Amino acid sequence: MKKGKISQNQWNRSVDKKIRYRSKHLVERPSAGSETLTYRLLSETVVGSTMQTETGPAEILGKKAFYRMYNALLAAGTRAEGMQVQLLLPESASEQQIKNIMGQLGEYGAAYEVDIGRVHTEISELVKAPLLTLSGFGKQDVTETGSSRFCPGQQIIMTKWAGAAGAAELAYVNKRSLMKYFPAVYVDEAVEYLWEKTAGESLLSIEKEIKTAWDMGAGAFHNVTKNGVFGALWEMAEMSHAGLEVNFAAIPVRQESIEICEQYGVNLYETDSLGSVLIGTEHGEDLVRRLREEGIPAAIIGRVTDGNDRTICRGEETRFLTPP
């Protein structure tokens, strides 16, 4: 493909035809040449926004980027309403890759009713692999906006498993070589995290646990993503100006994730945990019980403390958490 923006015809067949949902708040339909996007919002709402950049295999790139954007807004108390897309591809890319990535965004945009507005697609010699950036935004009634501030005394709940998404992508990309060391079914179980569902919802989504926690009075959430659970814990403590004590043994993990990460020298607790969220609550046992009843894996992994000490306890050993 030629460098620069794709043509209007390419846009029509590979981008526009893949968009299956249009928000009622969209004022003007975008095109290949449009530079701006306008939405009409109600005066009693607030707008939350996020920008998430993703790279990786084209077959899962759109899916990962969508859930990363969608979850980031959910954790901030905002439901995604629309998104803008920037897709940079190397000169070796094919139009089929654009269709594949946009097909994923179109599928999940329709499923979650998130409008795809402006899409900038460009071929550049500066990138060696597809690079996808989603700028998502949403509207939320101001009385329901969540908080990322955790308070001393709260218990910290983690949903899903540490490093499961990172291990799944490692297994997906290196499946053939991993099968020299592990049974095929074992590798497949790791990869399946990217497609697996619980209680009818993708494991990559945090929507159900956010709603359940909110209904039970919790209002502090922090998304666990590329820096892993250790990174998320540090970020949470920094944003809350608080300390924390974490029980290492309580952090939920999958055995296949441990072994695959070890195979490639990757720290399971510092790798991608897309689909997990940290929740701060005074009623940890009750919330964990409710989440598990709804089919969502969850565990209390620690508590928020006064002061600045952020510690990980592993048996008799205690060490300080370090910045990601």
C-alpha atoms as a PDB file:
ATOM      1  CA  MET A   1       0.000   0.000   0.000  1.00  0.00           C
ATOM      2  CA  LYS A   2       1.125   3.585  -0.663  1.00  0.00           C
ATOM      3  CA  LYS A   3       2.264   5.861   2.137  1.00  0.00           C
ATOM      4  CA  GLY A   4      -0.165   8.482   3.444  1.00  0.00           C
ATOM      5  CA  LYS A   5      -3.885   8.456   4.095  1.00  0.00           C
ATOM      6  CA  ILE A   6      -5.921   5.738   2.465  1.00  0.00           C
ATOM      7  CA  SER A   7      -8.283   6.729  -0.367  1.00  0.00           C
ATOM      8  CA  GLN A   8     -12.003   7.406   0.001  1.00  0.00           C
ATOM      9  CA  ASN A   9     -12.810   4.131  -1.788  1.00  0.00           C
ATOM     10  CA  GLN A  10     -10.525   2.189   0.525  1.00  0.00           C
ATOM     11  CA  TRP A  11     -12.119   4.008   3.449  1.00  0.00           C
ATOM     12  CA  ASN A  12     -15.620   3.115   2.256  1.00  0.00           C
ATOM     13  CA  ARG A  13     -15.000  -0.599   1.800  1.00  0.00           C
ATOM     14  CA  SER A  14     -12.480  -1.295   4.600  1.00  0.00           C
ATOM     15  CA  VAL A  15     -13.424   1.208   7.313  1.00  0.00           C
ATOM     16  CA  ASP A  16     -16.918   2.625   6.933  1.00  0.00           C
ATOM     17  CA  LYS A  17     -18.583  -0.686   6.047  1.00  0.00           C
ATOM     18  CA  LYS A  18     -17.164  -2.230   9.236  1.00  0.00           C
ATOM     19  CA  ILE A  19     -18.835   0.326  11.517  1.00  0.00           C
ATOM     20  CA  ARG A  20     -22.113  -1.197  12.689  1.00  0.00           C
ATOM     21  CA  TYR A  21     -23.369   1.312  15.248  1.00  0.00           C
ATOM     22  CA  ARG A  22     -23.882   5.082  15.063  1.00  0.00           C
ATOM     23  CA  SER A  23     -24.645   7.104  18.187  1.00  0.00           C
ATOM     24  CA  LYS A  24     -27.753   9.272  18.189  1.00  0.00           C
ATOM     25  CA  HIS A  25     -25.502  12.053  19.532  1.00  0.00           C
ATOM     26  CA  LEU A  26     -23.359  12.112  16.372  1.00  0.00           C
ATOM     27  CA  VAL A  27     -23.910  15.421  14.558  1.00  0.00           C
ATOM     28  CA  GLU A  28     -22.050  14.753  11.288  1.00  0.00           C
ATOM     29  CA  ARG A  29     -21.054  11.438   9.735  1.00  0.00           C
ATOM     30  CA  PRO A  30     -17.244  11.227   9.331  1.00  0.00           C
ATOM     31  CA  SER A  31     -15.371  10.474   6.102  1.00  0.00           C
ATOM     32  CA  ALA A  32     -11.792   9.745   5.068  1.00  0.00           C
ATOM     33  CA  GLY A  33     -11.030  13.462   4.739  1.00  0.00           C
ATOM     34  CA  SER A  34     -12.703  14.789   7.877  1.00  0.00           C
ATOM     35  CA  GLU A  35     -10.430  16.141  10.617  1.00  0.00           C
ATOM     36  CA  THR A  36     -12.908  16.710  13.441  1.00  0.00           C
ATOM     37  CA  LEU A  37     -15.790  14.909  15.086  1.00  0.00           C
ATOM     38  CA  THR A  38     -18.739  16.552  16.818  1.00  0.00           C
ATOM     39  CA  TYR A  39     -21.146  15.069  19.352  1.00  0.00           C
ATOM     40  CA  ARG A  40     -24.109  16.845  20.901  1.00  0.00           C
ATOM     41  CA  LEU A  41     -24.196  16.157  24.653  1.00  0.00           C
ATOM     42  CA  LEU A  42     -26.752  17.133  27.256  1.00  0.00           C
ATOM     43  CA  SER A  43     -25.896  19.941  29.665  1.00  0.00           C
ATOM     44  CA  GLU A  44     -26.459  17.789  32.765  1.00  0.00           C
ATOM     45  CA  THR A  45     -23.771  15.288  31.810  1.00  0.00           C
ATOM     46  CA  VAL A  46     -20.019  15.188  32.224  1.00  0.00           C
ATOM     47  CA  VAL A  47     -17.617  13.746  29.671  1.00  0.00           C
ATOM     48  CA  GLY A  48     -14.813  11.316  30.527  1.00  0.00           C
ATOM     49  CA  SER A  49     -12.089  10.520  28.012  1.00  0.00           C
ATOM     50  CA  THR A  50      -9.084   8.246  27.620  1.00  0.00           C
ATOM     51  CA  MET A  51      -6.433   7.484  25.015  1.00  0.00           C
ATOM     52  CA  GLN A  52      -5.073   3.946  24.711  1.00  0.00           C
ATOM     53  CA  THR A  53      -2.355   2.752  22.322  1.00  0.00           C
ATOM     54  CA  GLU A  54      -1.937  -0.896  21.416  1.00  0.00           C
ATOM     55  CA  THR A  55       0.314  -3.011  19.252  1.00  0.00           C
ATOM     56  CA  GLY A  56       0.432  -6.723  18.562  1.00  0.00           C
ATOM     57  CA  PRO A  57      -0.961  -9.290  16.116  1.00  0.00           C
ATOM     58  CA  ALA A  58      -3.638  -7.819  13.842  1.00  0.00           C
ATOM     59  CA  GLU A  59      -5.959 -10.737  14.678  1.00  0.00           C
ATOM     60  CA  ILE A  60      -6.365  -9.536  18.281  1.00  0.00           C
ATOM     61  CA  LEU A  61      -5.231  -5.903  18.063  1.00  0.00           C
ATOM     62  CA  GLY A  62      -8.674  -4.313  17.742  1.00  0.00           C
ATOM     63  CA  LYS A  63     -10.123  -6.459  20.508  1.00  0.00           C
ATOM     64  CA  LYS A  64      -7.367  -5.650  22.999  1.00  0.00           C
ATOM     65  CA  ALA A  65      -7.437  -1.931  22.225  1.00  0.00           C
ATOM     66  CA  PHE A  66     -11.216  -1.764  22.532  1.00  0.00           C
ATOM     67  CA  TYR A  67     -11.368  -3.443  25.927  1.00  0.00           C
ATOM     68  CA  ARG A  68      -8.416  -1.408  27.198  1.00  0.00           C
ATOM     69  CA  MET A  69     -10.225   1.806  26.267  1.00  0.00           C
ATOM     70  CA  TYR A  70     -13.635   0.613  27.467  1.00  0.00           C
ATOM     71  CA  ASN A  71     -12.319  -0.625  30.825  1.00  0.00           C
ATOM     72  CA  ALA A  72     -10.322   2.547  31.479  1.00  0.00           C
ATOM     73  CA  LEU A  73     -13.490   4.608  31.209  1.00  0.00           C
ATOM     74  CA  LEU A  74     -15.520   2.169  33.312  1.00  0.00           C
ATOM     75  CA  ALA A  75     -12.957   2.294  36.122  1.00  0.00           C
ATOM     76  CA  ALA A  76     -13.283   6.088  36.090  1.00  0.00           C
ATOM     77  CA  GLY A  77     -17.068   5.880  36.405  1.00  0.00           C
ATOM     78  CA  THR A  78     -17.836   6.611  32.753  1.00  0.00           C
ATOM     79  CA  ARG A  79     -19.486   4.415  30.158  1.00  0.00           C
ATOM     80  CA  ALA A  80     -17.948   4.741  26.693  1.00  0.00           C
ATOM     81  CA  GLU A  81     -20.167   6.541  24.194  1.00  0.00           C
ATOM     82  CA  GLY A  82     -17.794   6.986  21.274  1.00  0.00           C
ATOM     83  CA  MET A  83     -14.213   6.616  20.134  1.00  0.00           C
ATOM     84  CA  GLN A  84     -11.813   7.980  17.563  1.00  0.00           C
ATOM     85  CA  VAL A  85      -9.308   5.689  15.888  1.00  0.00           C
ATOM     86  CA  GLN A  86      -5.757   6.165  14.652  1.00  0.00           C
ATOM     87  CA  LEU A  87      -4.220   3.203  12.857  1.00  0.00           C
ATOM     88  CA  LEU A  88      -0.623   3.356  11.649  1.00  0.00           C
ATOM     89  CA  LEU A  89       0.658   0.501   9.497  1.00  0.00           C
ATOM     90  CA  PRO A  90       4.008  -0.361   7.888  1.00  0.00           C
ATOM     91  CA  GLU A  91       4.430  -0.334   4.121  1.00  0.00           C
ATOM     92  CA  SER A  92       4.328  -4.126   4.160  1.00  0.00           C
ATOM     93  CA  ALA A  93       0.752  -4.092   5.485  1.00  0.00           C
ATOM     94  CA  SER A  94      -2.202  -5.228   3.412  1.00  0.00           C
ATOM     95  CA  GLU A  95      -5.691  -3.811   3.113  1.00  0.00           C
ATOM     96  CA  GLN A  96      -6.941  -7.083   4.603  1.00  0.00           C
ATOM     97  CA  GLN A  97      -5.215  -6.145   7.858  1.00  0.00           C
ATOM     98  CA  ILE A  98      -7.178  -2.892   7.954  1.00  0.00           C
ATOM     99  CA  LYS A  99     -10.393  -4.838   7.366  1.00  0.00           C
ATOM    100  CA  ASN A 100      -9.458  -7.285  10.115  1.00  0.00           C
ATOM    101  CA  ILE A 101      -8.686  -4.621  12.723  1.00  0.00           C
ATOM    102  CA  MET A 102     -11.655  -2.436  11.806  1.00  0.00           C
ATOM    103  CA  GLY A 103     -13.866  -5.526  11.772  1.00  0.00           C
ATOM    104  CA  GLN A 104     -12.952  -6.164  15.398  1.00  0.00           C
ATOM    105  CA  LEU A 105     -13.616  -2.547  16.367  1.00  0.00           C
ATOM    106  CA  GLY A 106     -16.894  -2.640  14.461  1.00  0.00           C
ATOM    107  CA  GLU A 107     -17.950  -5.848  16.211  1.00  0.00           C
ATOM    108  CA  TYR A 108     -17.224  -4.640  19.742  1.00  0.00           C
ATOM    109  CA  GLY A 109     -18.438  -1.127  19.039  1.00  0.00           C
ATOM    110  CA  ALA A 110     -21.806  -2.571  18.025  1.00  0.00           C
ATOM    111  CA  ALA A 111     -21.915  -5.030  20.940  1.00  0.00           C
ATOM    112  CA  TYR A 112     -21.284  -2.302  23.534  1.00  0.00           C
ATOM    113  CA  GLU A 113     -22.967   0.540  21.626  1.00  0.00           C
ATOM    114  CA  VAL A 114     -19.800   2.590  21.281  1.00  0.00           C
ATOM    115  CA  ASP A 115     -19.782   4.797  18.200  1.00  0.00           C
ATOM    116  CA  ILE A 116     -16.729   4.825  15.948  1.00  0.00           C
ATOM    117  CA  GLY A 117     -16.262   8.420  14.868  1.00  0.00           C
ATOM    118  CA  ARG A 118     -13.184   9.730  13.126  1.00  0.00           C
ATOM    119  CA  VAL A 119     -10.802   7.055  11.801  1.00  0.00           C
ATOM    120  CA  HIS A 120      -7.304   8.101  10.699  1.00  0.00           C
ATOM    121  CA  THR A 121      -5.513   5.322   8.829  1.00  0.00           C
ATOM    122  CA  GLU A 122      -2.000   5.883   7.531  1.00  0.00           C
ATOM    123  CA  ILE A 123       0.842   3.850   6.048  1.00  0.00           C
ATOM    124  CA  SER A 124       4.226   4.949   7.392  1.00  0.00           C
ATOM    125  CA  GLU A 125       7.842   3.855   7.078  1.00  0.00           C
ATOM    126  CA  LEU A 126       8.277   4.827  10.745  1.00  0.00           C
ATOM    127  CA  VAL A 127       6.372   1.819  12.083  1.00  0.00           C
ATOM    128  CA  LYS A 128       7.321  -1.846  11.760  1.00  0.00           C
ATOM    129  CA  ALA A 129       4.033  -3.309  13.022  1.00  0.00           C
ATOM    130  CA  PRO A 130       0.409  -2.099  13.261  1.00  0.00           C
ATOM    131  CA  LEU A 131      -0.002   0.623  15.906  1.00  0.00           C
ATOM    132  CA  LEU A 132      -3.567   1.334  17.021  1.00  0.00           C
ATOM    133  CA  THR A 133      -4.653   4.267  19.198  1.00  0.00           C
ATOM    134  CA  LEU A 134      -8.209   4.658  20.476  1.00  0.00           C
ATOM    135  CA  SER A 135      -9.417   7.927  21.980  1.00  0.00           C
ATOM    136  CA  GLY A 136     -12.555   6.998  23.880  1.00  0.00           C
ATOM    137  CA  PHE A 137     -15.029   9.229  25.649  1.00  0.00           C
ATOM    138  CA  GLY A 138     -18.325   8.858  27.427  1.00  0.00           C
ATOM    139  CA  LYS A 139     -21.021  10.740  29.245  1.00  0.00           C
ATOM    140  CA  GLN A 140     -22.067  10.052  32.793  1.00  0.00           C
ATOM    141  CA  ASP A 141     -24.524  11.689  35.141  1.00  0.00           C
ATOM    142  CA  VAL A 142     -22.392  13.731  37.556  1.00  0.00           C
ATOM    143  CA  THR A 143     -24.040  12.056  40.574  1.00  0.00           C
ATOM    144  CA  GLU A 144     -22.797   8.638  39.435  1.00  0.00           C
ATOM    145  CA  THR A 145     -19.215   9.446  38.509  1.00  0.00           C
ATOM    146  CA  GLY A 146     -16.814   6.991  40.138  1.00  0.00           C
ATOM    147  CA  SER A 147     -13.534   7.679  41.902  1.00  0.00           C
ATOM    148  CA  SER A 148     -10.051   6.229  41.695  1.00  0.00           C
ATOM    149  CA  ARG A 149      -9.301   7.397  45.256  1.00  0.00           C
ATOM    150  CA  PHE A 150      -8.856   4.518  47.704  1.00  0.00           C
ATOM    151  CA  CYS A 151      -9.131   5.283  51.432  1.00  0.00           C
ATOM    152  CA  PRO A 152      -7.145   3.922  54.420  1.00  0.00           C
ATOM    153  CA  GLY A 153      -8.949   1.007  56.025  1.00  0.00           C
ATOM    154  CA  GLN A 154     -10.454  -0.267  52.798  1.00  0.00           C
ATOM    155  CA  GLN A 155      -9.798  -3.809  51.661  1.00  0.00           C
ATOM    156  CA  ILE A 156      -8.379  -4.270  48.169  1.00  0.00           C
ATOM    157  CA  ILE A 157     -10.174  -6.752  45.931  1.00  0.00           C
ATOM    158  CA  MET A 158      -8.699  -8.005  42.674  1.00  0.00           C
ATOM    159  CA  THR A 159     -10.826  -9.682  40.008  1.00  0.00           C
ATOM    160  CA  LYS A 160      -9.642 -12.291  37.469  1.00  0.00           C
ATOM    161  CA  TRP A 161      -5.930 -13.274  37.436  1.00  0.00           C
ATOM    162  CA  ALA A 162      -2.549 -11.570  37.413  1.00  0.00           C
ATOM    163  CA  GLY A 163      -0.822 -11.569  34.036  1.00  0.00           C
ATOM    164  CA  ALA A 164      -3.416 -13.731  32.294  1.00  0.00           C
ATOM    165  CA  ALA A 165      -3.736 -11.437  29.267  1.00  0.00           C
ATOM    166  CA  GLY A 166       0.022 -11.060  28.865  1.00  0.00           C
ATOM    167  CA  ALA A 167       0.562 -14.810  29.120  1.00  0.00           C
ATOM    168  CA  ALA A 168      -2.275 -15.412  26.652  1.00  0.00           C
ATOM    169  CA  GLU A 169      -0.670 -13.155  24.061  1.00  0.00           C
ATOM    170  CA  LEU A 170       2.725 -14.782  24.602  1.00  0.00           C
ATOM    171  CA  ALA A 171       1.087 -18.160  24.009  1.00  0.00           C
ATOM    172  CA  TYR A 172      -0.804 -16.878  20.958  1.00  0.00           C
ATOM    173  CA  VAL A 173       2.315 -15.455  19.305  1.00  0.00           C
ATOM    174  CA  ASN A 174       4.637 -18.326  20.270  1.00  0.00           C
ATOM    175  CA  LYS A 175       2.207 -21.233  20.183  1.00  0.00           C
ATOM    176  CA  ARG A 176       4.293 -23.486  17.949  1.00  0.00           C
ATOM    177  CA  SER A 177       7.517 -23.112  19.951  1.00  0.00           C
ATOM    178  CA  LEU A 178       5.706 -23.458  23.297  1.00  0.00           C
ATOM    179  CA  MET A 179       4.305 -26.816  22.226  1.00  0.00           C
ATOM    180  CA  LYS A 180       7.868 -28.164  22.405  1.00  0.00           C
ATOM    181  CA  TYR A 181       7.698 -27.694  26.176  1.00  0.00           C
ATOM    182  CA  PHE A 182       4.002 -27.971  27.061  1.00  0.00           C
ATOM    183  CA  PRO A 183       1.057 -30.094  25.873  1.00  0.00           C
ATOM    184  CA  ALA A 184      -1.047 -28.415  23.184  1.00  0.00           C
ATOM    185  CA  VAL A 185      -4.109 -28.366  25.443  1.00  0.00           C
ATOM    186  CA  TYR A 186      -2.105 -26.480  28.079  1.00  0.00           C
ATOM    187  CA  VAL A 187      -1.057 -23.781  25.618  1.00  0.00           C
ATOM    188  CA  ASP A 188      -4.603 -23.587  24.255  1.00  0.00           C
ATOM    189  CA  GLU A 189      -5.944 -22.958  27.768  1.00  0.00           C
ATOM    190  CA  ALA A 190      -3.661 -19.942  28.117  1.00  0.00           C
ATOM    191  CA  VAL A 191      -4.631 -18.541  24.709  1.00  0.00           C
ATOM    192  CA  GLU A 192      -8.324 -19.086  25.445  1.00  0.00           C
ATOM    193  CA  TYR A 193      -8.274 -16.224  27.967  1.00  0.00           C
ATOM    194  CA  LEU A 194      -8.512 -13.831  25.014  1.00  0.00           C
ATOM    195  CA  TRP A 195     -11.849 -15.359  23.964  1.00  0.00           C
ATOM    196  CA  GLU A 196     -13.180 -16.960  27.149  1.00  0.00           C
ATOM    197  CA  LYS A 197     -16.370 -15.734  28.792  1.00  0.00           C
ATOM    198  CA  THR A 198     -17.707 -15.831  32.343  1.00  0.00           C
ATOM    199  CA  ALA A 199     -21.349 -15.171  33.176  1.00  0.00           C
ATOM    200  CA  GLY A 200     -21.886 -14.350  29.481  1.00  0.00           C
ATOM    201  CA  GLU A 201     -19.248 -11.596  29.460  1.00  0.00           C
ATOM    202  CA  SER A 202     -15.746 -11.579  27.960  1.00  0.00           C
ATOM    203  CA  LEU A 203     -13.000 -12.083  30.542  1.00  0.00           C
ATOM    204  CA  LEU A 204     -11.369  -8.972  29.054  1.00  0.00           C
ATOM    205  CA  SER A 205     -14.288  -6.814  30.231  1.00  0.00           C
ATOM    206  CA  ILE A 206     -14.640  -5.390  33.749  1.00  0.00           C
ATOM    207  CA  GLU A 207     -18.171  -4.069  33.222  1.00  0.00           C
ATOM    208  CA  LYS A 208     -20.019  -6.654  35.297  1.00  0.00           C
ATOM    209  CA  GLU A 209     -17.749  -6.432  38.348  1.00  0.00           C
ATOM    210  CA  ILE A 210     -17.863  -2.626  38.259  1.00  0.00           C
ATOM    211  CA  LYS A 211     -21.668  -2.689  38.260  1.00  0.00           C
ATOM    212  CA  THR A 212     -21.846  -5.293  41.037  1.00  0.00           C
ATOM    213  CA  ALA A 213     -19.329  -3.426  43.197  1.00  0.00           C
ATOM    214  CA  TRP A 214     -21.097  -0.124  42.596  1.00  0.00           C
ATOM    215  CA  ASP A 215     -24.448  -1.646  43.582  1.00  0.00           C
ATOM    216  CA  MET A 216     -22.855  -2.836  46.836  1.00  0.00           C
ATOM    217  CA  GLY A 217     -21.535   0.600  47.735  1.00  0.00           C
ATOM    218  CA  ALA A 218     -17.970   0.457  46.411  1.00  0.00           C
ATOM    219  CA  GLY A 219     -16.835   3.532  44.521  1.00  0.00           C
ATOM    220  CA  ALA A 220     -13.047   3.194  44.198  1.00  0.00           C
ATOM    221  CA  PHE A 221     -11.688   1.330  41.168  1.00  0.00           C
ATOM    222  CA  HIS A 222      -8.355   1.020  39.398  1.00  0.00           C
ATOM    223  CA  ASN A 223      -7.880  -0.732  36.090  1.00  0.00           C
ATOM    224  CA  VAL A 224      -5.112  -3.380  35.971  1.00  0.00           C
ATOM    225  CA  THR A 225      -3.451  -3.330  32.556  1.00  0.00           C
ATOM    226  CA  LYS A 226      -0.011  -3.205  30.923  1.00  0.00           C
ATOM    227  CA  ASN A 227       2.086  -2.680  34.067  1.00  0.00           C
ATOM    228  CA  GLY A 228       0.472  -5.664  35.760  1.00  0.00           C
ATOM    229  CA  VAL A 229      -0.945  -5.910  39.262  1.00  0.00           C
ATOM    230  CA  PHE A 230       2.210  -4.521  40.897  1.00  0.00           C
ATOM    231  CA  GLY A 231       2.086  -1.473  38.630  1.00  0.00           C
ATOM    232  CA  ALA A 232      -1.634  -0.984  39.243  1.00  0.00           C
ATOM    233  CA  LEU A 233      -1.178  -1.204  43.016  1.00  0.00           C
ATOM    234  CA  TRP A 234       1.548   1.434  42.897  1.00  0.00           C
ATOM    235  CA  GLU A 235      -0.537   3.728  40.671  1.00  0.00           C
ATOM    236  CA  MET A 236      -3.562   3.284  42.928  1.00  0.00           C
ATOM    237  CA  ALA A 237      -1.555   4.170  46.043  1.00  0.00           C
ATOM    238  CA  GLU A 238       0.043   7.193  44.348  1.00  0.00           C
ATOM    239  CA  MET A 239      -3.294   8.566  43.164  1.00  0.00           C
ATOM    240  CA  SER A 240      -4.827   7.983  46.599  1.00  0.00           C
ATOM    241  CA  HIS A 241      -1.839   9.395  48.552  1.00  0.00           C
ATOM    242  CA  ALA A 242      -1.959   6.256  50.675  1.00  0.00           C
ATOM    243  CA  GLY A 243       0.034   3.210  51.653  1.00  0.00           C
ATOM    244  CA  LEU A 244      -0.882  -0.427  51.233  1.00  0.00           C
ATOM    245  CA  GLU A 245      -0.185  -3.904  52.523  1.00  0.00           C
ATOM    246  CA  VAL A 246      -0.574  -6.744  50.020  1.00  0.00           C
ATOM    247  CA  ASN A 247      -0.573 -10.481  50.698  1.00  0.00           C
ATOM    248  CA  PHE A 248       1.422 -11.941  47.802  1.00  0.00           C
ATOM    249  CA  ALA A 249      -0.089 -15.412  48.237  1.00  0.00           C
ATOM    250  CA  ALA A 250      -3.615 -13.999  47.874  1.00  0.00           C
ATOM    251  CA  ILE A 251      -3.030 -12.577  44.385  1.00  0.00           C
ATOM    252  CA  PRO A 252      -4.984 -14.879  42.026  1.00  0.00           C
ATOM    253  CA  VAL A 253      -2.981 -16.525  39.241  1.00  0.00           C
ATOM    254  CA  ARG A 254      -3.381 -19.267  36.645  1.00  0.00           C
ATOM    255  CA  GLN A 255      -0.790 -22.031  36.604  1.00  0.00           C
ATOM    256  CA  GLU A 256      -0.414 -21.936  32.821  1.00  0.00           C
ATOM    257  CA  SER A 257       0.248 -18.178  33.017  1.00  0.00           C
ATOM    258  CA  ILE A 258       3.029 -18.749  35.565  1.00  0.00           C
ATOM    259  CA  GLU A 259       4.814 -21.347  33.448  1.00  0.00           C
ATOM    260  CA  ILE A 260       4.486 -19.502  30.135  1.00  0.00           C
ATOM    261  CA  CYS A 261       5.809 -16.268  31.646  1.00  0.00           C
ATOM    262  CA  GLU A 262       8.702 -18.165  33.246  1.00  0.00           C
ATOM    263  CA  GLN A 263       9.538 -19.684  29.857  1.00  0.00           C
ATOM    264  CA  TYR A 264      10.135 -16.183  28.440  1.00  0.00           C
ATOM    265  CA  GLY A 265      11.589 -14.542  31.549  1.00  0.00           C
ATOM    266  CA  VAL A 266       8.519 -12.340  32.032  1.00  0.00           C
ATOM    267  CA  ASN A 267       7.418 -11.257  35.514  1.00  0.00           C
ATOM    268  CA  LEU A 268       3.814 -12.455  35.812  1.00  0.00           C
ATOM    269  CA  TYR A 269       2.970  -9.673  38.275  1.00  0.00           C
ATOM    270  CA  GLU A 270       4.332  -6.934  36.032  1.00  0.00           C
ATOM    271  CA  THR A 271       2.782  -8.035  32.743  1.00  0.00           C
ATOM    272  CA  ASP A 272      -0.535  -7.264  31.091  1.00  0.00           C
ATOM    273  CA  SER A 273      -3.577  -8.104  33.220  1.00  0.00           C
ATOM    274  CA  LEU A 274      -6.260  -6.720  30.901  1.00  0.00           C
ATOM    275  CA  GLY A 275      -9.655  -7.749  32.299  1.00  0.00           C
ATOM    276  CA  SER A 276      -8.712  -7.310  35.965  1.00  0.00           C
ATOM    277  CA  VAL A 277      -9.668  -4.436  38.248  1.00  0.00           C
ATOM    278  CA  LEU A 278      -8.772  -3.369  41.788  1.00  0.00           C
ATOM    279  CA  ILE A 279     -11.729  -2.423  43.990  1.00  0.00           C
ATOM    280  CA  GLY A 280     -11.583  -0.586  47.319  1.00  0.00           C
ATOM    281  CA  THR A 281     -14.319  -1.436  49.836  1.00  0.00           C
ATOM    282  CA  GLU A 282     -15.077  -1.733  53.543  1.00  0.00           C
ATOM    283  CA  HIS A 283     -17.088  -4.893  52.872  1.00  0.00           C
ATOM    284  CA  GLY A 284     -14.576  -7.105  51.103  1.00  0.00           C
ATOM    285  CA  GLU A 285     -15.905 -10.518  52.140  1.00  0.00           C
ATOM    286  CA  ASP A 286     -19.471  -9.670  51.116  1.00  0.00           C
ATOM    287  CA  LEU A 287     -18.399  -8.254  47.760  1.00  0.00           C
ATOM    288  CA  VAL A 288     -16.123 -11.206  46.949  1.00  0.00           C
ATOM    289  CA  ARG A 289     -18.966 -13.578  47.786  1.00  0.00           C
ATOM    290  CA  ARG A 290     -21.357 -11.692  45.492  1.00  0.00           C
ATOM    291  CA  LEU A 291     -18.846 -11.527  42.643  1.00  0.00           C
ATOM    292  CA  ARG A 292     -18.164 -15.250  42.864  1.00  0.00           C
ATOM    293  CA  GLU A 293     -21.893 -15.977  42.916  1.00  0.00           C
ATOM    294  CA  GLU A 294     -22.096 -14.093  39.617  1.00  0.00           C
ATOM    295  CA  GLY A 295     -19.259 -16.158  38.149  1.00  0.00           C
ATOM    296  CA  ILE A 296     -16.548 -13.501  38.479  1.00  0.00           C
ATOM    297  CA  PRO A 297     -13.282 -14.699  40.065  1.00  0.00           C
ATOM    298  CA  ALA A 298     -12.275 -12.325  42.883  1.00  0.00           C
ATOM    299  CA  ALA A 299     -10.078 -12.255  45.987  1.00  0.00           C
ATOM    300  CA  ILE A 300      -9.086  -9.883  48.784  1.00  0.00           C
ATOM    301  CA  ILE A 301      -5.375  -9.261  48.262  1.00  0.00           C
ATOM    302  CA  GLY A 302      -4.623  -6.571  50.843  1.00  0.00           C
ATOM    303  CA  ARG A 303      -5.669  -3.319  52.455  1.00  0.00           C
ATOM    304  CA  VAL A 304      -5.108   0.412  52.134  1.00  0.00           C
ATOM    305  CA  THR A 305      -3.114   2.041  54.947  1.00  0.00           C
ATOM    306  CA  ASP A 306      -2.167   5.488  56.237  1.00  0.00           C
ATOM    307  CA  GLY A 307       1.272   6.761  55.345  1.00  0.00           C
ATOM    308  CA  ASN A 308       3.428   6.050  52.329  1.00  0.00           C
ATOM    309  CA  ASP A 309       4.708   2.501  52.893  1.00  0.00           C
ATOM    310  CA  ARG A 310       3.635   0.113  50.136  1.00  0.00           C
ATOM    311  CA  THR A 311       4.582  -3.408  51.074  1.00  0.00           C
ATOM    312  CA  ILE A 312       4.219  -6.918  49.663  1.00  0.00           C
ATOM    313  CA  CYS A 313       4.182  -9.679  52.282  1.00  0.00           C
ATOM    314  CA  ARG A 314       5.343 -13.133  51.178  1.00  0.00           C
ATOM    315  CA  GLY A 315       5.450 -15.509  54.123  1.00  0.00           C
ATOM    316  CA  GLU A 316       7.933 -14.112  56.624  1.00  0.00           C
ATOM    317  CA  GLU A 317       9.429 -11.787  54.021  1.00  0.00           C
ATOM    318  CA  THR A 318       8.217  -8.227  53.504  1.00  0.00           C
ATOM    319  CA  ARG A 319       9.465  -6.056  50.663  1.00  0.00           C
ATOM    320  CA  PHE A 320       8.606  -2.618  49.386  1.00  0.00           C
ATOM    321  CA  LEU A 321       6.694  -2.169  46.159  1.00  0.00           C
ATOM    322  CA  THR A 322       8.649  -0.168  43.574  1.00  0.00           C
ATOM    323  CA  PRO A 323       7.350   2.180  40.859  1.00  0.00           C
ATOM    324  CA  PRO A 324       6.551   0.538  37.503  1.00  0.00           C
END
